[in-house]
Amino acid sequence: MNRFVVAALLALIIIFPRISNCEIVDRVIAIVNDDLITLKELEQYVHVEKHGKYVSVNEYFRNIQLLEKIGALIDNLLIKQQAKKFKIDVSNKEIDSIINNIKKQYLITEEELKEQLKKDNVNFKDFVEGLKTNLLRSKVLSQVISPEVLVTDNNLIEFYNKHIVDYKEEVYRLRQIFISNNQKDPQNKAMTAYNQLKEGKPFESIAKEFSDDPSGLDGGDIGLVKSEDLIPELKGAVRTLTPGEYTSVIRTPYGFLILKLIETKQGETVAFETVKDKIHERIIQEESEKKYKEYINKLRKSSYIEVKI
């Protein structure tokens, strides 16, 4: 789920970058079975740089851009139709859980998340709707495609042994210096903080002076963080540290981080039987993703689809 969440967040930043200020005359641009896709919906789905009215050459090139993107929007609509058919839904509780995981993995507050979305001209409501679409897609895959995927006990054991490092329990006590993208020239500010650390100034005082996160008031102390809760970039950086060391400046979608490792609580490797179900779920998810394209092609062939641009 964690990988899915990170992927979901990165996908959303691409999918809903901003809504164009262009003058839009709404119209139906595609019919997918009993549903319609309007131009405004597609405009919300892709970022179109051009400004002005839909006339002459501008309209021609604009339509080429839209035509390239409408396929993904049609696929999403087909998945929503399948979800409705199989009575698959997404609850607010599930969405809240995903957003909480995003905050934990990127070490940010909800306010910082919303600020970054605002900076990227992404409406929070659209962001939540995108999460729902991705989770709905995942559920449809689980219900419709996954039963076709066969996983044996040997497959599970082989996967466990191959990814044994993923099943070692590790908890880190960390301090952080976080420079938000909302700052003017955040990378330069992060480098200034980093250079002062290299000069020997205490991490705690630098965090108080530079960090945009509330933890800065406590010298950047963010307490205990499970290894599995960190995104791969942060996990990889922290794993190379010994207690007392800090990372270089790490770029994230929300700003720049410097992490200091205070201590590592190393646990034992989680027993195979404990994670057997999760491994099964992970293999099913990965194999289902491989079959997704085949499934979508089958849906398209059995649906009425008319694109009007």
C-alpha atoms as a PDB file:
ATOM      1  CA  MET A   1       0.000   0.000   0.000  1.00  0.00           C
ATOM      2  CA  ASN A   2       2.804   2.389   0.830  1.00  0.00           C
ATOM      3  CA  ARG A   3       4.322   2.127  -2.644  1.00  0.00           C
ATOM      4  CA  PHE A   4       0.889   2.642  -4.089  1.00  0.00           C
ATOM      5  CA  VAL A   5       0.373   5.726  -1.971  1.00  0.00           C
ATOM      6  CA  VAL A   6       3.628   7.319  -3.027  1.00  0.00           C
ATOM      7  CA  ALA A   7       2.904   6.450  -6.637  1.00  0.00           C
ATOM      8  CA  ALA A   8      -0.552   7.861  -6.275  1.00  0.00           C
ATOM      9  CA  LEU A   9       0.743  11.147  -4.926  1.00  0.00           C
ATOM     10  CA  LEU A  10       3.347  11.568  -7.660  1.00  0.00           C
ATOM     11  CA  ALA A  11       0.763  10.639 -10.337  1.00  0.00           C
ATOM     12  CA  LEU A  12      -1.679  13.207  -9.039  1.00  0.00           C
ATOM     13  CA  ILE A  13       0.866  15.984  -9.179  1.00  0.00           C
ATOM     14  CA  ILE A  14       1.268  15.138 -12.868  1.00  0.00           C
ATOM     15  CA  ILE A  15      -2.404  14.507 -13.612  1.00  0.00           C
ATOM     16  CA  PHE A  16      -3.835  17.631 -12.018  1.00  0.00           C
ATOM     17  CA  PRO A  17      -1.082  20.209 -12.329  1.00  0.00           C
ATOM     18  CA  ARG A  18      -3.313  23.253 -12.824  1.00  0.00           C
ATOM     19  CA  ILE A  19      -6.432  24.418 -14.495  1.00  0.00           C
ATOM     20  CA  SER A  20      -5.883  26.594 -17.501  1.00  0.00           C
ATOM     21  CA  ASN A  21      -7.023  30.192 -17.481  1.00  0.00           C
ATOM     22  CA  CYS A  22      -8.090  29.798 -21.106  1.00  0.00           C
ATOM     23  CA  GLU A  23     -11.552  30.807 -22.139  1.00  0.00           C
ATOM     24  CA  ILE A  24     -13.337  27.488 -22.396  1.00  0.00           C
ATOM     25  CA  VAL A  25     -16.502  26.728 -24.252  1.00  0.00           C
ATOM     26  CA  ASP A  26     -17.674  23.428 -22.785  1.00  0.00           C
ATOM     27  CA  ARG A  27     -18.808  20.649 -25.069  1.00  0.00           C
ATOM     28  CA  VAL A  28     -19.003  16.870 -25.210  1.00  0.00           C
ATOM     29  CA  ILE A  29     -15.780  15.435 -26.587  1.00  0.00           C
ATOM     30  CA  ALA A  30     -16.286  11.718 -25.948  1.00  0.00           C
ATOM     31  CA  ILE A  31     -19.021   9.192 -25.297  1.00  0.00           C
ATOM     32  CA  VAL A  32     -18.126   6.096 -23.284  1.00  0.00           C
ATOM     33  CA  ASN A  33     -21.071   3.728 -23.062  1.00  0.00           C
ATOM     34  CA  ASP A  34     -23.736   5.707 -21.140  1.00  0.00           C
ATOM     35  CA  ASP A  35     -21.367   8.431 -19.888  1.00  0.00           C
ATOM     36  CA  LEU A  36     -20.096  11.645 -21.448  1.00  0.00           C
ATOM     37  CA  ILE A  37     -16.723  13.393 -21.158  1.00  0.00           C
ATOM     38  CA  THR A  38     -16.798  17.165 -21.553  1.00  0.00           C
ATOM     39  CA  LEU A  39     -14.046  19.483 -22.628  1.00  0.00           C
ATOM     40  CA  LYS A  40     -13.907  21.062 -19.172  1.00  0.00           C
ATOM     41  CA  GLU A  41     -13.338  17.668 -17.584  1.00  0.00           C
ATOM     42  CA  LEU A  42     -10.456  16.994 -19.915  1.00  0.00           C
ATOM     43  CA  GLU A  43      -9.088  20.481 -19.311  1.00  0.00           C
ATOM     44  CA  GLN A  44      -9.026  19.640 -15.636  1.00  0.00           C
ATOM     45  CA  TYR A  45      -7.165  16.450 -16.419  1.00  0.00           C
ATOM     46  CA  VAL A  46      -4.344  17.907 -18.435  1.00  0.00           C
ATOM     47  CA  HIS A  47      -2.372  21.087 -18.267  1.00  0.00           C
ATOM     48  CA  VAL A  48      -2.626  23.133 -21.409  1.00  0.00           C
ATOM     49  CA  GLU A  49      -0.143  25.967 -21.620  1.00  0.00           C
ATOM     50  CA  LYS A  50      -1.765  27.890 -24.437  1.00  0.00           C
ATOM     51  CA  HIS A  51      -4.016  30.882 -23.772  1.00  0.00           C
ATOM     52  CA  GLY A  52      -6.775  32.285 -25.866  1.00  0.00           C
ATOM     53  CA  LYS A  53      -9.913  31.147 -27.591  1.00  0.00           C
ATOM     54  CA  TYR A  54     -10.433  27.987 -29.572  1.00  0.00           C
ATOM     55  CA  VAL A  55      -9.720  29.353 -32.976  1.00  0.00           C
ATOM     56  CA  SER A  56      -7.692  28.475 -36.040  1.00  0.00           C
ATOM     57  CA  VAL A  57      -4.173  27.108 -35.494  1.00  0.00           C
ATOM     58  CA  ASN A  58      -4.339  27.334 -31.697  1.00  0.00           C
ATOM     59  CA  GLU A  59      -7.374  25.094 -31.644  1.00  0.00           C
ATOM     60  CA  TYR A  60      -5.727  22.613 -34.003  1.00  0.00           C
ATOM     61  CA  PHE A  61      -2.633  22.149 -31.837  1.00  0.00           C
ATOM     62  CA  ARG A  62      -4.694  22.240 -28.675  1.00  0.00           C
ATOM     63  CA  ASN A  63      -6.856  19.382 -29.916  1.00  0.00           C
ATOM     64  CA  ILE A  64      -3.769  17.324 -30.739  1.00  0.00           C
ATOM     65  CA  GLN A  65      -2.607  17.696 -27.132  1.00  0.00           C
ATOM     66  CA  LEU A  66      -6.021  16.802 -25.772  1.00  0.00           C
ATOM     67  CA  LEU A  67      -6.348  13.794 -28.063  1.00  0.00           C
ATOM     68  CA  GLU A  68      -3.087  12.405 -26.706  1.00  0.00           C
ATOM     69  CA  LYS A  69      -4.426  12.569 -23.144  1.00  0.00           C
ATOM     70  CA  ILE A  70      -8.060  11.604 -23.522  1.00  0.00           C
ATOM     71  CA  GLY A  71      -7.212   7.891 -23.654  1.00  0.00           C
ATOM     72  CA  ALA A  72      -6.234   7.839 -19.969  1.00  0.00           C
ATOM     73  CA  LEU A  73      -9.414   9.698 -19.030  1.00  0.00           C
ATOM     74  CA  ILE A  74     -11.527   7.185 -20.954  1.00  0.00           C
ATOM     75  CA  ASP A  75      -9.722   4.315 -19.180  1.00  0.00           C
ATOM     76  CA  ASN A  76     -10.556   5.911 -15.810  1.00  0.00           C
ATOM     77  CA  LEU A  77     -14.192   6.228 -16.783  1.00  0.00           C
ATOM     78  CA  LEU A  78     -14.329   2.588 -17.890  1.00  0.00           C
ATOM     79  CA  ILE A  79     -12.891   1.554 -14.511  1.00  0.00           C
ATOM     80  CA  LYS A  80     -15.514   3.682 -12.683  1.00  0.00           C
ATOM     81  CA  GLN A  81     -18.243   2.013 -14.721  1.00  0.00           C
ATOM     82  CA  GLN A  82     -16.876  -1.416 -13.775  1.00  0.00           C
ATOM     83  CA  ALA A  83     -16.734  -0.371 -10.118  1.00  0.00           C
ATOM     84  CA  LYS A  84     -20.379   0.684 -10.274  1.00  0.00           C
ATOM     85  CA  LYS A  85     -21.291  -2.591 -11.970  1.00  0.00           C
ATOM     86  CA  PHE A  86     -19.609  -4.641  -9.214  1.00  0.00           C
ATOM     87  CA  LYS A  87     -20.785  -2.258  -6.452  1.00  0.00           C
ATOM     88  CA  ILE A  88     -17.217  -1.364  -5.470  1.00  0.00           C
ATOM     89  CA  ASP A  89     -16.840   1.897  -3.528  1.00  0.00           C
ATOM     90  CA  VAL A  90     -14.223   3.896  -1.615  1.00  0.00           C
ATOM     91  CA  SER A  91     -14.935   5.231   1.875  1.00  0.00           C
ATOM     92  CA  ASN A  92     -13.810   8.555   3.355  1.00  0.00           C
ATOM     93  CA  LYS A  93     -11.968   6.585   6.028  1.00  0.00           C
ATOM     94  CA  GLU A  94      -9.843   4.869   3.367  1.00  0.00           C
ATOM     95  CA  ILE A  95      -8.975   8.220   1.777  1.00  0.00           C
ATOM     96  CA  ASP A  96      -8.067   9.715   5.176  1.00  0.00           C
ATOM     97  CA  SER A  97      -5.763   6.750   5.769  1.00  0.00           C
ATOM     98  CA  ILE A  98      -3.986   7.324   2.449  1.00  0.00           C
ATOM     99  CA  ILE A  99      -3.511  11.036   3.159  1.00  0.00           C
ATOM    100  CA  ASN A 100      -2.121  10.234   6.612  1.00  0.00           C
ATOM    101  CA  ASN A 101       0.370   7.818   5.047  1.00  0.00           C
ATOM    102  CA  ILE A 102       1.462  10.486   2.570  1.00  0.00           C
ATOM    103  CA  LYS A 103       2.102  12.902   5.453  1.00  0.00           C
ATOM    104  CA  LYS A 104       4.090  10.279   7.360  1.00  0.00           C
ATOM    105  CA  GLN A 105       6.192   9.243   4.393  1.00  0.00           C
ATOM    106  CA  TYR A 106       7.139  12.787   3.429  1.00  0.00           C
ATOM    107  CA  LEU A 107       7.395  14.001   7.041  1.00  0.00           C
ATOM    108  CA  ILE A 108       5.002  16.871   6.405  1.00  0.00           C
ATOM    109  CA  THR A 109       1.893  18.256   8.049  1.00  0.00           C
ATOM    110  CA  GLU A 110      -1.512  18.455   6.380  1.00  0.00           C
ATOM    111  CA  GLU A 111      -1.100  22.199   6.113  1.00  0.00           C
ATOM    112  CA  GLU A 112       2.195  21.743   4.237  1.00  0.00           C
ATOM    113  CA  LEU A 113       0.548  19.212   1.927  1.00  0.00           C
ATOM    114  CA  LYS A 114      -2.257  21.658   1.121  1.00  0.00           C
ATOM    115  CA  GLU A 115       0.206  24.499   0.611  1.00  0.00           C
ATOM    116  CA  GLN A 116       2.184  22.445  -1.887  1.00  0.00           C
ATOM    117  CA  LEU A 117      -0.976  21.448  -3.765  1.00  0.00           C
ATOM    118  CA  LYS A 118      -2.015  25.099  -3.864  1.00  0.00           C
ATOM    119  CA  LYS A 119       1.377  26.078  -5.213  1.00  0.00           C
ATOM    120  CA  ASP A 120       0.951  23.489  -7.987  1.00  0.00           C
ATOM    121  CA  ASN A 121      -2.547  24.870  -8.678  1.00  0.00           C
ATOM    122  CA  VAL A 122      -4.084  21.563  -7.613  1.00  0.00           C
ATOM    123  CA  ASN A 123      -7.458  21.894  -5.935  1.00  0.00           C
ATOM    124  CA  PHE A 124      -7.583  19.760  -2.757  1.00  0.00           C
ATOM    125  CA  LYS A 125     -10.985  18.415  -3.834  1.00  0.00           C
ATOM    126  CA  ASP A 126      -9.483  17.285  -7.165  1.00  0.00           C
ATOM    127  CA  PHE A 127      -6.559  15.763  -5.278  1.00  0.00           C
ATOM    128  CA  VAL A 128      -8.936  13.700  -3.118  1.00  0.00           C
ATOM    129  CA  GLU A 129     -10.957  12.729  -6.196  1.00  0.00           C
ATOM    130  CA  GLY A 130      -7.756  11.514  -7.854  1.00  0.00           C
ATOM    131  CA  LEU A 131      -6.944   9.378  -4.808  1.00  0.00           C
ATOM    132  CA  LYS A 132     -10.430   7.874  -4.976  1.00  0.00           C
ATOM    133  CA  THR A 133      -9.997   7.049  -8.666  1.00  0.00           C
ATOM    134  CA  ASN A 134      -6.668   5.332  -8.054  1.00  0.00           C
ATOM    135  CA  LEU A 135      -7.991   3.340  -5.100  1.00  0.00           C
ATOM    136  CA  LEU A 136     -11.097   2.401  -7.054  1.00  0.00           C
ATOM    137  CA  ARG A 137      -8.873   1.163  -9.864  1.00  0.00           C
ATOM    138  CA  SER A 138      -6.871  -0.902  -7.396  1.00  0.00           C
ATOM    139  CA  LYS A 139     -10.051  -2.447  -5.975  1.00  0.00           C
ATOM    140  CA  VAL A 140     -11.393  -3.318  -9.413  1.00  0.00           C
ATOM    141  CA  LEU A 141      -8.083  -4.974 -10.250  1.00  0.00           C
ATOM    142  CA  SER A 142      -8.260  -6.964  -7.012  1.00  0.00           C
ATOM    143  CA  GLN A 143     -11.787  -8.158  -7.640  1.00  0.00           C
ATOM    144  CA  VAL A 144     -11.771  -8.744 -11.381  1.00  0.00           C
ATOM    145  CA  ILE A 145      -8.199  -9.544 -12.398  1.00  0.00           C
ATOM    146  CA  SER A 146      -6.582 -10.904  -9.251  1.00  0.00           C
ATOM    147  CA  PRO A 147      -8.622 -14.143  -9.147  1.00  0.00           C
ATOM    148  CA  GLU A 148      -6.915 -15.069 -12.425  1.00  0.00           C
ATOM    149  CA  VAL A 149      -3.462 -14.793 -10.826  1.00  0.00           C
ATOM    150  CA  LEU A 150      -2.239 -18.037  -9.280  1.00  0.00           C
ATOM    151  CA  VAL A 151       0.371 -17.832  -6.494  1.00  0.00           C
ATOM    152  CA  THR A 152       1.894 -20.964  -4.964  1.00  0.00           C
ATOM    153  CA  ASP A 153       3.624 -21.352  -1.571  1.00  0.00           C
ATOM    154  CA  ASN A 154       6.925 -21.726  -3.420  1.00  0.00           C
ATOM    155  CA  ASN A 155       6.294 -18.355  -5.089  1.00  0.00           C
ATOM    156  CA  LEU A 156       5.764 -16.774  -1.656  1.00  0.00           C
ATOM    157  CA  ILE A 157       8.907 -18.282  -0.110  1.00  0.00           C
ATOM    158  CA  GLU A 158      10.992 -17.333  -3.129  1.00  0.00           C
ATOM    159  CA  PHE A 159       9.746 -13.724  -2.930  1.00  0.00           C
ATOM    160  CA  TYR A 160      10.412 -13.567   0.848  1.00  0.00           C
ATOM    161  CA  ASN A 161      14.005 -14.784   0.468  1.00  0.00           C
ATOM    162  CA  LYS A 162      14.668 -12.444  -2.446  1.00  0.00           C
ATOM    163  CA  HIS A 163      13.377  -9.396  -0.510  1.00  0.00           C
ATOM    164  CA  ILE A 164      14.537 -10.435   2.958  1.00  0.00           C
ATOM    165  CA  VAL A 165      15.939  -6.945   3.691  1.00  0.00           C
ATOM    166  CA  ASP A 166      12.398  -5.540   3.409  1.00  0.00           C
ATOM    167  CA  TYR A 167      11.307  -7.671   6.354  1.00  0.00           C
ATOM    168  CA  LYS A 168      13.874  -6.481   8.864  1.00  0.00           C
ATOM    169  CA  GLU A 169      12.249  -4.346  11.543  1.00  0.00           C
ATOM    170  CA  GLU A 170      13.956  -0.990  11.964  1.00  0.00           C
ATOM    171  CA  VAL A 171      12.822   2.097  13.841  1.00  0.00           C
ATOM    172  CA  TYR A 172      14.752   5.378  13.666  1.00  0.00           C
ATOM    173  CA  ARG A 173      14.807   8.316  16.039  1.00  0.00           C
ATOM    174  CA  LEU A 174      15.301  11.317  13.772  1.00  0.00           C
ATOM    175  CA  ARG A 175      15.714  15.067  13.718  1.00  0.00           C
ATOM    176  CA  GLN A 176      14.981  17.028  10.586  1.00  0.00           C
ATOM    177  CA  ILE A 177      15.445  20.383   8.917  1.00  0.00           C
ATOM    178  CA  PHE A 178      12.673  20.948   6.403  1.00  0.00           C
ATOM    179  CA  ILE A 179      12.671  23.810   3.896  1.00  0.00           C
ATOM    180  CA  SER A 180       9.306  24.171   2.201  1.00  0.00           C
ATOM    181  CA  ASN A 181       8.970  24.755  -1.526  1.00  0.00           C
ATOM    182  CA  ASN A 182       6.835  27.738  -0.560  1.00  0.00           C
ATOM    183  CA  GLN A 183      10.007  29.541   0.486  1.00  0.00           C
ATOM    184  CA  LYS A 184      11.766  31.782  -1.991  1.00  0.00           C
ATOM    185  CA  ASP A 185      14.730  29.817  -3.408  1.00  0.00           C
ATOM    186  CA  PRO A 186      14.274  26.867  -0.998  1.00  0.00           C
ATOM    187  CA  GLN A 187      17.233  24.883  -2.349  1.00  0.00           C
ATOM    188  CA  ASN A 188      19.626  27.730  -1.648  1.00  0.00           C
ATOM    189  CA  LYS A 189      18.237  28.082   1.873  1.00  0.00           C
ATOM    190  CA  ALA A 190      18.635  24.333   2.442  1.00  0.00           C
ATOM    191  CA  MET A 191      22.245  24.486   1.216  1.00  0.00           C
ATOM    192  CA  THR A 192      22.933  27.407   3.542  1.00  0.00           C
ATOM    193  CA  ALA A 193      21.657  25.349   6.484  1.00  0.00           C
ATOM    194  CA  TYR A 194      23.696  22.347   5.321  1.00  0.00           C
ATOM    195  CA  ASN A 195      26.887  24.398   5.001  1.00  0.00           C
ATOM    196  CA  GLN A 196      26.437  25.730   8.545  1.00  0.00           C
ATOM    197  CA  LEU A 197      26.121  22.148   9.766  1.00  0.00           C
ATOM    198  CA  LYS A 198      29.363  21.320   7.960  1.00  0.00           C
ATOM    199  CA  GLU A 199      30.981  24.239   9.779  1.00  0.00           C
ATOM    200  CA  GLY A 200      30.151  22.510  13.044  1.00  0.00           C
ATOM    201  CA  LYS A 201      27.063  24.363  14.238  1.00  0.00           C
ATOM    202  CA  PRO A 202      24.647  22.203  16.279  1.00  0.00           C
ATOM    203  CA  PHE A 203      21.880  20.537  14.279  1.00  0.00           C
ATOM    204  CA  GLU A 204      19.301  21.607  16.874  1.00  0.00           C
ATOM    205  CA  SER A 205      20.082  25.324  16.558  1.00  0.00           C
ATOM    206  CA  ILE A 206      20.136  25.165  12.742  1.00  0.00           C
ATOM    207  CA  ALA A 207      16.742  23.430  12.809  1.00  0.00           C
ATOM    208  CA  LYS A 208      15.344  26.194  15.027  1.00  0.00           C
ATOM    209  CA  GLU A 209      16.674  28.859  12.688  1.00  0.00           C
ATOM    210  CA  PHE A 210      15.858  27.343   9.286  1.00  0.00           C
ATOM    211  CA  SER A 211      13.224  24.596   9.498  1.00  0.00           C
ATOM    212  CA  ASP A 212       9.691  25.328   8.284  1.00  0.00           C
ATOM    213  CA  ASP A 213       8.297  22.323  10.131  1.00  0.00           C
ATOM    214  CA  PRO A 214       6.820  22.801  13.638  1.00  0.00           C
ATOM    215  CA  SER A 215       9.431  20.318  14.909  1.00  0.00           C
ATOM    216  CA  GLY A 216      12.038  23.051  14.334  1.00  0.00           C
ATOM    217  CA  LEU A 217      11.044  24.567  17.682  1.00  0.00           C
ATOM    218  CA  ASP A 218      12.214  21.302  19.310  1.00  0.00           C
ATOM    219  CA  GLY A 219      15.490  21.257  17.427  1.00  0.00           C
ATOM    220  CA  GLY A 220      13.931  19.210  14.602  1.00  0.00           C
ATOM    221  CA  ASP A 221      13.013  16.257  16.835  1.00  0.00           C
ATOM    222  CA  ILE A 222      10.338  14.145  15.086  1.00  0.00           C
ATOM    223  CA  GLY A 223      10.592  11.144  17.395  1.00  0.00           C
ATOM    224  CA  LEU A 224      10.505   7.523  16.245  1.00  0.00           C
ATOM    225  CA  VAL A 225       9.801   6.707  12.620  1.00  0.00           C
ATOM    226  CA  LYS A 226       9.391   3.204  11.215  1.00  0.00           C
ATOM    227  CA  SER A 227      11.624   2.416   8.262  1.00  0.00           C
ATOM    228  CA  GLU A 228       8.626   1.185   6.295  1.00  0.00           C
ATOM    229  CA  ASP A 229       6.915   4.574   6.696  1.00  0.00           C
ATOM    230  CA  LEU A 230       9.681   6.451   4.855  1.00  0.00           C
ATOM    231  CA  ILE A 231       9.684   6.948   1.102  1.00  0.00           C
ATOM    232  CA  PRO A 232      12.542   5.048  -0.645  1.00  0.00           C
ATOM    233  CA  GLU A 233      14.695   8.190  -1.070  1.00  0.00           C
ATOM    234  CA  LEU A 234      14.612   8.959   2.661  1.00  0.00           C
ATOM    235  CA  LYS A 235      14.879   5.327   3.738  1.00  0.00           C
ATOM    236  CA  GLY A 236      17.937   4.807   1.527  1.00  0.00           C
ATOM    237  CA  ALA A 237      19.624   7.931   2.890  1.00  0.00           C
ATOM    238  CA  VAL A 238      18.960   7.120   6.555  1.00  0.00           C
ATOM    239  CA  ARG A 239      20.192   3.540   6.174  1.00  0.00           C
ATOM    240  CA  THR A 240      23.680   4.796   5.324  1.00  0.00           C
ATOM    241  CA  LEU A 241      23.925   6.816   8.563  1.00  0.00           C
ATOM    242  CA  THR A 242      25.332   5.878  11.923  1.00  0.00           C
ATOM    243  CA  PRO A 243      23.888   7.618  15.013  1.00  0.00           C
ATOM    244  CA  GLY A 244      24.984  11.264  15.149  1.00  0.00           C
ATOM    245  CA  GLU A 245      25.394  11.614  11.374  1.00  0.00           C
ATOM    246  CA  TYR A 246      23.125  13.566   9.070  1.00  0.00           C
ATOM    247  CA  THR A 247      22.226  13.330   5.399  1.00  0.00           C
ATOM    248  CA  SER A 248      23.024  15.745   2.623  1.00  0.00           C
ATOM    249  CA  VAL A 249      20.176  17.879   1.290  1.00  0.00           C
ATOM    250  CA  ILE A 250      17.383  15.627  -0.054  1.00  0.00           C
ATOM    251  CA  ARG A 251      14.866  16.961  -2.552  1.00  0.00           C
ATOM    252  CA  THR A 252      11.221  15.849  -2.076  1.00  0.00           C
ATOM    253  CA  PRO A 253       8.037  16.968  -3.864  1.00  0.00           C
ATOM    254  CA  TYR A 254       7.310  19.310  -0.932  1.00  0.00           C
ATOM    255  CA  GLY A 255      10.683  20.819  -0.218  1.00  0.00           C
ATOM    256  CA  PHE A 256      14.202  19.957   0.949  1.00  0.00           C
ATOM    257  CA  LEU A 257      15.141  17.801   3.920  1.00  0.00           C
ATOM    258  CA  ILE A 258      18.211  17.182   6.004  1.00  0.00           C
ATOM    259  CA  LEU A 259      17.787  14.230   8.407  1.00  0.00           C
ATOM    260  CA  LYS A 260      19.917  13.410  11.439  1.00  0.00           C
ATOM    261  CA  LEU A 261      19.909   9.898  12.864  1.00  0.00           C
ATOM    262  CA  ILE A 262      19.818   9.855  16.675  1.00  0.00           C
ATOM    263  CA  GLU A 263      19.479   6.108  17.156  1.00  0.00           C
ATOM    264  CA  THR A 264      18.384   2.952  15.401  1.00  0.00           C
ATOM    265  CA  LYS A 265      16.307   0.294  17.069  1.00  0.00           C
ATOM    266  CA  GLN A 266      17.096  -2.853  15.180  1.00  0.00           C
ATOM    267  CA  GLY A 267      14.608  -5.636  15.452  1.00  0.00           C
ATOM    268  CA  GLU A 268      14.703  -9.197  14.182  1.00  0.00           C
ATOM    269  CA  THR A 269      13.654 -10.282  10.746  1.00  0.00           C
ATOM    270  CA  VAL A 270       9.895 -10.703  10.605  1.00  0.00           C
ATOM    271  CA  ALA A 271       8.988 -14.401  10.313  1.00  0.00           C
ATOM    272  CA  PHE A 272       7.730 -15.637   6.962  1.00  0.00           C
ATOM    273  CA  GLU A 273       4.384 -16.759   8.393  1.00  0.00           C
ATOM    274  CA  THR A 274       3.778 -13.248   9.784  1.00  0.00           C
ATOM    275  CA  VAL A 275       4.156 -11.537   6.411  1.00  0.00           C
ATOM    276  CA  LYS A 276       2.914 -14.373   4.213  1.00  0.00           C
ATOM    277  CA  ASP A 277      -0.451 -12.693   3.528  1.00  0.00           C
ATOM    278  CA  LYS A 278       1.167  -9.343   2.739  1.00  0.00           C
ATOM    279  CA  ILE A 279       3.578 -11.013   0.320  1.00  0.00           C
ATOM    280  CA  HIS A 280       0.636 -12.726  -1.356  1.00  0.00           C
ATOM    281  CA  GLU A 281      -1.138  -9.373  -1.644  1.00  0.00           C
ATOM    282  CA  ARG A 282       1.985  -7.725  -3.102  1.00  0.00           C
ATOM    283  CA  ILE A 283       2.512 -10.432  -5.732  1.00  0.00           C
ATOM    284  CA  ILE A 284      -1.160 -10.322  -6.692  1.00  0.00           C
ATOM    285  CA  GLN A 285      -0.976  -6.530  -7.047  1.00  0.00           C
ATOM    286  CA  GLU A 286       2.151  -6.638  -9.202  1.00  0.00           C
ATOM    287  CA  GLU A 287       0.827  -9.406 -11.450  1.00  0.00           C
ATOM    288  CA  SER A 288      -2.565  -7.699 -11.744  1.00  0.00           C
ATOM    289  CA  GLU A 289      -0.872  -4.501 -12.890  1.00  0.00           C
ATOM    290  CA  LYS A 290       0.799  -6.500 -15.648  1.00  0.00           C
ATOM    291  CA  LYS A 291      -2.610  -7.762 -16.812  1.00  0.00           C
ATOM    292  CA  TYR A 292      -4.269  -4.335 -16.543  1.00  0.00           C
ATOM    293  CA  LYS A 293      -3.539  -3.280 -20.137  1.00  0.00           C
ATOM    294  CA  GLU A 294      -5.036  -6.505 -21.469  1.00  0.00           C
ATOM    295  CA  TYR A 295      -8.129  -5.957 -19.292  1.00  0.00           C
ATOM    296  CA  ILE A 296      -8.591  -2.353 -20.449  1.00  0.00           C
ATOM    297  CA  ASN A 297      -8.252  -3.366 -24.100  1.00  0.00           C
ATOM    298  CA  LYS A 298     -10.985  -5.957 -23.577  1.00  0.00           C
ATOM    299  CA  LEU A 299     -13.235  -3.332 -21.953  1.00  0.00           C
ATOM    300  CA  ARG A 300     -12.655  -0.896 -24.811  1.00  0.00           C
ATOM    301  CA  LYS A 301     -13.585  -3.516 -27.411  1.00  0.00           C
ATOM    302  CA  SER A 302     -16.845  -4.322 -25.622  1.00  0.00           C
ATOM    303  CA  SER A 303     -17.798  -0.638 -25.060  1.00  0.00           C
ATOM    304  CA  TYR A 304     -19.278   2.092 -27.210  1.00  0.00           C
ATOM    305  CA  ILE A 305     -16.622   4.822 -27.390  1.00  0.00           C
ATOM    306  CA  GLU A 306     -16.867   7.881 -29.627  1.00  0.00           C
ATOM    307  CA  VAL A 307     -14.221  10.609 -29.481  1.00  0.00           C
ATOM    308  CA  LYS A 308     -15.315  13.941 -30.961  1.00  0.00           C
ATOM    309  CA  ILE A 309     -12.000  15.809 -31.266  1.00  0.00           C
END
